[in-house]
N, C-alpha and C. Protein backbone atom coordinates (compact mmCIF):
# COMPACT_ATOMS: atom_id res chain seq x y z
N MET A 1 0.86 -1.18 0.00
CA MET A 1 0.00 0.00 0.00
C MET A 1 0.90 1.24 0.00
N PRO A 2 0.59 2.21 -0.86
CA PRO A 2 1.42 3.41 -0.93
C PRO A 2 1.38 4.20 0.37
N SER A 3 2.42 4.95 0.59
CA SER A 3 2.50 5.82 1.76
C SER A 3 1.33 6.79 1.75
N SER A 4 0.76 7.04 2.92
CA SER A 4 -0.40 7.94 2.97
C SER A 4 0.00 9.36 2.57
N MET A 5 1.24 9.78 2.88
CA MET A 5 1.68 11.12 2.49
C MET A 5 1.78 11.22 0.97
N LEU A 6 2.29 10.18 0.32
CA LEU A 6 2.41 10.17 -1.13
C LEU A 6 1.03 10.23 -1.77
N VAL A 7 0.09 9.49 -1.23
CA VAL A 7 -1.28 9.50 -1.75
C VAL A 7 -1.86 10.91 -1.61
N LYS A 8 -1.62 11.56 -0.47
CA LYS A 8 -2.13 12.91 -0.26
C LYS A 8 -1.51 13.89 -1.25
N VAL A 9 -0.20 13.77 -1.47
CA VAL A 9 0.48 14.67 -2.42
C VAL A 9 -0.04 14.46 -3.82
N ILE A 10 -0.23 13.21 -4.22
CA ILE A 10 -0.74 12.93 -5.55
C ILE A 10 -2.17 13.45 -5.70
N CYS A 11 -3.00 13.25 -4.68
CA CYS A 11 -4.38 13.76 -4.73
C CYS A 11 -4.38 15.28 -4.79
N LEU A 12 -3.56 15.93 -3.97
CA LEU A 12 -3.47 17.38 -4.00
C LEU A 12 -2.99 17.86 -5.37
N SER A 13 -2.01 17.17 -5.92
CA SER A 13 -1.49 17.55 -7.23
C SER A 13 -2.55 17.40 -8.31
N MET A 14 -3.32 16.32 -8.25
CA MET A 14 -4.38 16.10 -9.24
C MET A 14 -5.44 17.19 -9.13
N ILE A 15 -5.81 17.55 -7.91
CA ILE A 15 -6.80 18.61 -7.71
C ILE A 15 -6.27 19.91 -8.29
N CYS A 16 -4.99 20.21 -7.99
CA CYS A 16 -4.39 21.44 -8.51
C CYS A 16 -4.33 21.42 -10.03
N LEU A 17 -4.04 20.26 -10.59
CA LEU A 17 -3.96 20.13 -12.04
C LEU A 17 -5.32 20.40 -12.68
N VAL A 18 -6.38 19.86 -12.05
CA VAL A 18 -7.73 20.03 -12.60
C VAL A 18 -8.21 21.46 -12.43
N LEU A 19 -7.93 22.09 -11.29
CA LEU A 19 -8.45 23.42 -11.00
C LEU A 19 -7.52 24.55 -11.44
N ASP A 20 -6.29 24.23 -11.77
CA ASP A 20 -5.31 25.26 -12.08
C ASP A 20 -5.66 26.01 -13.36
N ILE A 21 -5.51 27.29 -13.32
CA ILE A 21 -5.67 28.12 -14.52
C ILE A 21 -4.26 28.51 -14.94
N PRO A 22 -3.79 27.97 -16.07
CA PRO A 22 -2.42 28.27 -16.47
C PRO A 22 -2.22 29.75 -16.76
N LEU A 23 -1.03 30.23 -16.45
CA LEU A 23 -0.69 31.61 -16.76
C LEU A 23 -0.56 31.76 -18.27
N ALA A 24 -0.84 32.93 -18.78
CA ALA A 24 -0.74 33.17 -20.22
C ALA A 24 0.67 32.84 -20.70
N ASN A 25 0.76 32.08 -21.77
CA ASN A 25 2.02 31.72 -22.40
C ASN A 25 2.94 30.89 -21.51
N ALA A 26 2.45 30.35 -20.43
CA ALA A 26 3.31 29.54 -19.56
C ALA A 26 3.51 28.17 -20.18
N ALA A 27 4.72 27.65 -20.06
CA ALA A 27 5.03 26.35 -20.63
C ALA A 27 4.29 25.25 -19.87
N LEU A 28 4.19 25.37 -18.55
CA LEU A 28 3.55 24.37 -17.71
C LEU A 28 2.66 25.05 -16.68
N SER A 29 1.56 24.41 -16.34
CA SER A 29 0.73 24.93 -15.26
C SER A 29 1.36 24.50 -13.93
N CYS A 30 0.98 25.16 -12.86
CA CYS A 30 1.52 24.81 -11.54
C CYS A 30 1.13 23.38 -11.18
N GLY A 31 -0.05 22.95 -11.56
CA GLY A 31 -0.47 21.58 -11.29
C GLY A 31 0.42 20.56 -11.98
N GLN A 32 0.81 20.85 -13.23
CA GLN A 32 1.72 19.96 -13.95
C GLN A 32 3.09 19.93 -13.28
N ILE A 33 3.56 21.08 -12.84
CA ILE A 33 4.85 21.16 -12.15
C ILE A 33 4.80 20.35 -10.87
N GLN A 34 3.73 20.48 -10.11
CA GLN A 34 3.59 19.74 -8.85
C GLN A 34 3.62 18.23 -9.09
N LEU A 35 2.92 17.77 -10.12
CA LEU A 35 2.94 16.34 -10.43
C LEU A 35 4.35 15.88 -10.83
N THR A 36 5.05 16.73 -11.56
CA THR A 36 6.37 16.38 -12.06
C THR A 36 7.40 16.32 -10.94
N VAL A 37 7.29 17.20 -9.95
CA VAL A 37 8.27 17.20 -8.86
C VAL A 37 7.89 16.28 -7.70
N ALA A 38 6.72 15.68 -7.74
CA ALA A 38 6.30 14.78 -6.65
C ALA A 38 7.32 13.67 -6.37
N PRO A 39 7.99 13.08 -7.39
CA PRO A 39 9.00 12.05 -7.08
C PRO A 39 10.21 12.58 -6.32
N CYS A 40 10.35 13.90 -6.21
CA CYS A 40 11.50 14.50 -5.51
C CYS A 40 11.26 14.63 -4.01
N LEU A 41 10.03 14.47 -3.56
CA LEU A 41 9.72 14.71 -2.15
C LEU A 41 10.48 13.81 -1.20
N GLY A 42 10.68 12.56 -1.57
CA GLY A 42 11.44 11.64 -0.71
C GLY A 42 12.85 12.15 -0.48
N TYR A 43 13.51 12.58 -1.55
CA TYR A 43 14.87 13.10 -1.43
C TYR A 43 14.89 14.40 -0.62
N LEU A 44 13.90 15.25 -0.83
CA LEU A 44 13.86 16.53 -0.13
C LEU A 44 13.60 16.38 1.36
N ARG A 45 13.01 15.27 1.75
CA ARG A 45 12.77 15.02 3.17
C ARG A 45 13.89 14.19 3.80
N ASN A 46 14.44 13.25 3.06
CA ASN A 46 15.52 12.37 3.55
C ASN A 46 16.60 12.27 2.47
N PRO A 47 17.45 13.30 2.35
CA PRO A 47 18.44 13.30 1.28
C PRO A 47 19.44 12.17 1.42
N GLY A 48 19.82 11.63 0.29
CA GLY A 48 20.83 10.59 0.24
C GLY A 48 21.93 11.03 -0.70
N PRO A 49 22.79 10.10 -1.06
CA PRO A 49 23.91 10.47 -1.93
C PRO A 49 23.48 10.82 -3.36
N SER A 50 22.34 10.31 -3.79
CA SER A 50 21.90 10.61 -5.16
C SER A 50 20.39 10.87 -5.18
N VAL A 51 19.97 11.49 -6.26
CA VAL A 51 18.55 11.81 -6.46
C VAL A 51 17.99 10.77 -7.42
N SER A 52 16.75 10.38 -7.24
CA SER A 52 16.16 9.34 -8.08
C SER A 52 16.05 9.80 -9.54
N ALA A 53 16.09 8.85 -10.45
CA ALA A 53 15.97 9.15 -11.88
C ALA A 53 14.63 9.83 -12.21
N PRO A 54 13.48 9.36 -11.66
CA PRO A 54 12.22 10.05 -11.98
C PRO A 54 12.22 11.52 -11.54
N CYS A 55 12.84 11.80 -10.40
CA CYS A 55 12.93 13.18 -9.93
C CYS A 55 13.78 14.00 -10.90
N CYS A 56 14.99 13.54 -11.19
CA CYS A 56 15.89 14.29 -12.08
C CYS A 56 15.29 14.45 -13.48
N ASN A 57 14.68 13.40 -13.99
CA ASN A 57 14.06 13.49 -15.32
C ASN A 57 12.95 14.54 -15.33
N GLY A 58 12.16 14.58 -14.27
CA GLY A 58 11.09 15.57 -14.17
C GLY A 58 11.64 16.98 -14.09
N LEU A 59 12.68 17.17 -13.27
CA LEU A 59 13.27 18.50 -13.13
C LEU A 59 13.90 18.96 -14.45
N ARG A 60 14.58 18.03 -15.14
CA ARG A 60 15.18 18.39 -16.43
C ARG A 60 14.09 18.74 -17.45
N GLY A 61 12.97 18.04 -17.40
CA GLY A 61 11.85 18.34 -18.29
C GLY A 61 11.28 19.73 -18.04
N ILE A 62 11.09 20.07 -16.77
CA ILE A 62 10.58 21.40 -16.42
C ILE A 62 11.58 22.47 -16.88
N TYR A 63 12.86 22.23 -16.60
CA TYR A 63 13.90 23.18 -16.98
C TYR A 63 13.92 23.38 -18.50
N GLY A 64 13.80 22.29 -19.23
CA GLY A 64 13.81 22.37 -20.69
C GLY A 64 12.60 23.06 -21.29
N GLN A 65 11.46 22.96 -20.61
CA GLN A 65 10.24 23.57 -21.12
C GLN A 65 10.09 25.03 -20.69
N SER A 66 10.93 25.48 -19.78
CA SER A 66 10.85 26.86 -19.29
C SER A 66 11.77 27.73 -20.13
N LYS A 67 11.30 28.10 -21.30
CA LYS A 67 12.13 28.79 -22.28
C LYS A 67 12.22 30.30 -22.07
N SER A 68 11.16 30.90 -21.59
CA SER A 68 11.15 32.35 -21.44
C SER A 68 11.35 32.76 -19.98
N ILE A 69 11.65 34.03 -19.78
CA ILE A 69 11.78 34.56 -18.42
C ILE A 69 10.47 34.38 -17.67
N ALA A 70 9.34 34.65 -18.33
CA ALA A 70 8.03 34.50 -17.70
C ALA A 70 7.79 33.04 -17.28
N ASP A 71 8.20 32.08 -18.11
CA ASP A 71 8.06 30.67 -17.77
C ASP A 71 8.87 30.34 -16.52
N ARG A 72 10.13 30.78 -16.49
CA ARG A 72 11.02 30.47 -15.35
C ARG A 72 10.51 31.12 -14.07
N GLN A 73 9.99 32.34 -14.17
CA GLN A 73 9.45 33.00 -12.99
C GLN A 73 8.18 32.31 -12.51
N SER A 74 7.37 31.83 -13.44
CA SER A 74 6.16 31.10 -13.10
C SER A 74 6.50 29.79 -12.38
N VAL A 75 7.50 29.07 -12.89
CA VAL A 75 7.95 27.83 -12.24
C VAL A 75 8.45 28.15 -10.84
N CYS A 76 9.23 29.20 -10.70
CA CYS A 76 9.76 29.60 -9.39
C CYS A 76 8.62 29.86 -8.41
N ARG A 77 7.61 30.62 -8.83
CA ARG A 77 6.49 30.92 -7.94
C ARG A 77 5.75 29.65 -7.53
N CYS A 78 5.55 28.75 -8.47
CA CYS A 78 4.86 27.50 -8.17
C CYS A 78 5.66 26.67 -7.16
N VAL A 79 6.96 26.50 -7.44
CA VAL A 79 7.81 25.70 -6.56
C VAL A 79 7.88 26.35 -5.18
N LYS A 80 8.06 27.66 -5.15
CA LYS A 80 8.16 28.36 -3.87
C LYS A 80 6.86 28.20 -3.08
N GLY A 81 5.73 28.35 -3.73
CA GLY A 81 4.45 28.22 -3.04
C GLY A 81 4.12 26.80 -2.62
N THR A 82 4.68 25.82 -3.32
CA THR A 82 4.38 24.42 -3.04
C THR A 82 5.38 23.81 -2.06
N ILE A 83 6.64 23.82 -2.44
CA ILE A 83 7.67 23.11 -1.66
C ILE A 83 7.85 23.70 -0.28
N PHE A 84 7.92 25.04 -0.19
CA PHE A 84 8.18 25.65 1.11
C PHE A 84 6.98 25.58 2.04
N GLY A 85 5.84 25.17 1.51
CA GLY A 85 4.66 24.98 2.35
C GLY A 85 4.54 23.58 2.92
N LEU A 86 5.41 22.66 2.48
CA LEU A 86 5.36 21.28 2.95
C LEU A 86 6.25 21.10 4.17
N PRO A 87 5.79 20.33 5.15
CA PRO A 87 6.62 20.10 6.34
C PRO A 87 7.77 19.13 6.03
N GLY A 88 8.88 19.32 6.75
CA GLY A 88 9.98 18.37 6.69
C GLY A 88 10.92 18.52 5.51
N ILE A 89 10.84 19.62 4.77
CA ILE A 89 11.73 19.80 3.62
C ILE A 89 13.12 20.22 4.12
N ASN A 90 14.14 19.50 3.67
CA ASN A 90 15.53 19.80 4.01
C ASN A 90 16.03 20.86 3.03
N LEU A 91 16.32 22.06 3.55
CA LEU A 91 16.67 23.18 2.68
C LEU A 91 18.01 22.97 1.97
N SER A 92 18.98 22.30 2.61
CA SER A 92 20.23 22.06 1.89
C SER A 92 20.04 21.03 0.79
N ALA A 93 19.15 20.08 1.00
CA ALA A 93 18.84 19.12 -0.07
C ALA A 93 18.17 19.84 -1.23
N LEU A 94 17.31 20.79 -0.92
CA LEU A 94 16.64 21.56 -1.96
C LEU A 94 17.65 22.37 -2.77
N SER A 95 18.62 22.96 -2.08
CA SER A 95 19.65 23.75 -2.78
C SER A 95 20.54 22.88 -3.66
N SER A 96 20.73 21.62 -3.27
CA SER A 96 21.65 20.75 -4.00
C SER A 96 20.99 19.90 -5.08
N ILE A 97 19.68 19.89 -5.13
CA ILE A 97 19.00 18.96 -6.03
C ILE A 97 19.26 19.27 -7.51
N ALA A 98 19.24 20.53 -7.90
CA ALA A 98 19.48 20.86 -9.31
C ALA A 98 20.87 20.43 -9.77
N PRO A 99 21.94 20.80 -9.04
CA PRO A 99 23.27 20.36 -9.48
C PRO A 99 23.41 18.83 -9.49
N LYS A 100 22.80 18.15 -8.52
CA LYS A 100 22.88 16.68 -8.49
C LYS A 100 22.17 16.05 -9.69
N CYS A 101 21.24 16.79 -10.28
CA CYS A 101 20.53 16.30 -11.46
C CYS A 101 21.16 16.83 -12.75
N GLY A 102 22.28 17.53 -12.62
CA GLY A 102 22.97 18.04 -13.80
C GLY A 102 22.34 19.30 -14.39
N ILE A 103 21.60 20.03 -13.56
CA ILE A 103 20.96 21.27 -14.01
C ILE A 103 21.73 22.44 -13.41
N ASN A 104 22.18 23.35 -14.26
CA ASN A 104 22.97 24.50 -13.82
C ASN A 104 22.08 25.73 -13.77
N LEU A 105 21.47 25.98 -12.61
CA LEU A 105 20.61 27.15 -12.44
C LEU A 105 21.47 28.38 -12.13
N PRO A 106 21.12 29.52 -12.70
CA PRO A 106 21.89 30.74 -12.42
C PRO A 106 21.46 31.45 -11.13
N TYR A 107 20.76 30.75 -10.26
CA TYR A 107 20.30 31.31 -8.99
C TYR A 107 20.20 30.19 -7.97
N LYS A 108 20.14 30.55 -6.69
CA LYS A 108 20.04 29.58 -5.60
C LYS A 108 18.58 29.45 -5.18
N ILE A 109 18.13 28.23 -5.04
CA ILE A 109 16.76 27.98 -4.59
C ILE A 109 16.74 28.09 -3.07
N SER A 110 15.94 29.01 -2.55
CA SER A 110 15.84 29.21 -1.10
C SER A 110 14.48 29.83 -0.79
N PRO A 111 14.06 29.78 0.48
CA PRO A 111 12.77 30.39 0.84
C PRO A 111 12.73 31.89 0.59
N SER A 112 13.88 32.54 0.56
CA SER A 112 13.91 33.99 0.37
C SER A 112 14.04 34.40 -1.10
N ILE A 113 14.00 33.45 -2.01
CA ILE A 113 14.16 33.78 -3.43
C ILE A 113 13.08 34.74 -3.91
N ASN A 114 13.47 35.73 -4.68
CA ASN A 114 12.52 36.66 -5.29
C ASN A 114 12.31 36.19 -6.72
N CYS A 115 11.21 35.56 -6.98
CA CYS A 115 10.96 34.96 -8.30
C CYS A 115 10.91 36.01 -9.42
N ASN A 116 10.63 37.26 -9.07
CA ASN A 116 10.59 38.32 -10.09
C ASN A 116 11.97 38.68 -10.61
N THR A 117 13.03 38.22 -9.94
CA THR A 117 14.39 38.53 -10.39
C THR A 117 15.03 37.37 -11.16
N ILE A 118 14.29 36.28 -11.38
CA ILE A 118 14.81 35.14 -12.12
C ILE A 118 15.03 35.57 -13.57
N PRO A 119 16.24 35.34 -14.08
CA PRO A 119 16.51 35.73 -15.48
C PRO A 119 15.91 34.78 -16.48
């Protein structure tokens, strides 16, 4: 039987996906982003030496689809509003997840990030 927290995250993500109104010209809706990063929650709560392939593949997909400044800022707002609202997130794991997945972000992911300054 799946973990009850995972079931809750998936249900929440599905609800967000169904109810989400995508931003104009956004590559992905926040609901799609939430579903894509759901495999990363285990690592963000209990970091290990490596990040799972589904997590990294999802992050690389989001990164690849975020072509414009507006797309990247939209992803930032979604991640900031979602991830930092979840209990038990390890902030150093969050900061290290992009480099561990081979993604070179030109900014640091943190609770104090100003998404409006994302290039």
